[in-house]
Protein backbone atom coordinates (compact mmCIF):
# COMPACT_ATOMS: atom_id res chain seq x y z
CA MET A 1 -9.49 -29.07 -18.22
CA SER A 2 -13.05 -29.40 -19.06
CA ILE A 3 -14.93 -28.38 -22.23
CA GLU A 4 -16.83 -25.66 -20.31
CA ARG A 5 -13.50 -24.09 -19.08
CA ILE A 6 -12.14 -24.09 -22.52
CA VAL A 7 -15.40 -22.50 -24.02
CA ARG A 8 -15.04 -19.65 -21.50
CA ILE A 9 -11.14 -19.17 -22.40
CA VAL A 10 -11.94 -19.25 -26.29
CA ALA A 11 -14.81 -16.65 -25.64
CA GLY A 12 -12.79 -14.53 -23.54
CA LEU A 13 -9.99 -14.35 -26.09
CA MET A 14 -12.30 -13.82 -28.92
CA ILE A 15 -13.86 -10.74 -27.24
CA LEU A 16 -10.51 -9.38 -26.27
CA LEU A 17 -9.16 -10.08 -29.88
CA SER A 18 -11.80 -8.37 -31.65
CA LEU A 19 -11.49 -5.36 -29.17
CA PHE A 20 -7.78 -5.39 -29.76
CA LEU A 21 -8.12 -5.59 -33.75
CA ALA A 22 -10.74 -2.70 -33.95
CA HIS A 23 -8.69 -0.38 -31.74
CA ASN A 24 -5.74 -1.03 -34.12
CA ALA A 25 -7.47 -0.63 -37.06
CA GLY A 26 -8.77 2.85 -35.83
CA THR A 27 -12.39 1.95 -35.56
CA VAL A 28 -12.59 1.92 -31.65
CA ASP A 29 -10.58 4.27 -29.51
CA LEU A 30 -10.06 2.29 -26.17
CA THR A 31 -8.18 5.48 -24.77
CA ALA A 32 -11.58 7.33 -24.08
CA ALA A 33 -14.27 6.20 -21.62
CA SER A 34 -16.60 4.28 -23.11
CA TRP A 35 -18.99 1.06 -22.90
CA LEU A 36 -16.26 -0.89 -24.63
CA TRP A 37 -14.35 -0.97 -21.48
CA PHE A 38 -17.41 -3.17 -20.12
CA THR A 39 -16.96 -5.25 -22.99
CA ALA A 40 -13.28 -5.79 -22.20
CA PHE A 41 -14.18 -6.30 -18.65
CA ILE A 42 -16.23 -9.26 -19.73
CA GLY A 43 -13.69 -10.92 -22.02
CA VAL A 44 -11.14 -10.58 -19.22
CA ASN A 45 -13.61 -12.14 -16.67
CA LEU A 46 -14.50 -15.01 -19.18
CA LEU A 47 -10.66 -15.69 -19.63
CA GLN A 48 -9.75 -15.68 -15.96
CA SER A 49 -12.59 -17.99 -15.03
CA GLY A 50 -11.64 -20.42 -17.71
CA PHE A 51 -8.19 -20.79 -15.86
CA THR A 52 -9.41 -20.25 -12.29
CA ASN A 53 -12.92 -21.82 -12.45
CA LEU A 54 -13.97 -18.53 -10.31
CA CYS A 55 -16.98 -16.87 -11.80
CA PRO A 56 -18.53 -14.00 -9.74
CA LEU A 57 -21.97 -14.54 -11.70
CA VAL A 58 -21.95 -18.19 -10.54
CA ALA A 59 -21.36 -17.21 -7.22
CA ILE A 60 -24.33 -14.74 -7.02
CA LEU A 61 -26.71 -17.47 -8.65
CA LYS A 62 -25.87 -19.85 -6.09
CA LYS A 63 -26.43 -17.46 -3.27
CA LEU A 64 -29.93 -16.76 -5.10
CA GLY A 65 -30.99 -20.33 -4.97
CA PHE A 66 -29.96 -21.67 -8.64
CA LYS A 67 -28.63 -24.99 -9.31
CA GLU A 68 -25.74 -25.80 -11.44
CA GLY A 69 -26.49 -27.68 -14.75
CA GLY A 70 -24.31 -30.25 -16.36
CA ALA A 71 -23.51 -28.31 -19.35
CA CYS A 72 -22.76 -24.84 -20.61
CA CYS A 73 -23.74 -25.24 -24.18
């Protein structure tokens, strides 16, 4: 597994963990429709792209003519 994939997995986990902890602390209500669901979507997408190496944004950027770089950080 590459460093880039590990970074995606850790970033996704941190986003989802922060949402989970905020929800359990009572400061965030994830039962109501809000922009926090967009944050959850990003966290899940980062997590799955770390394991599957499939990222929708990468596919879109490739179609637009951008080239892949060697590093993510």
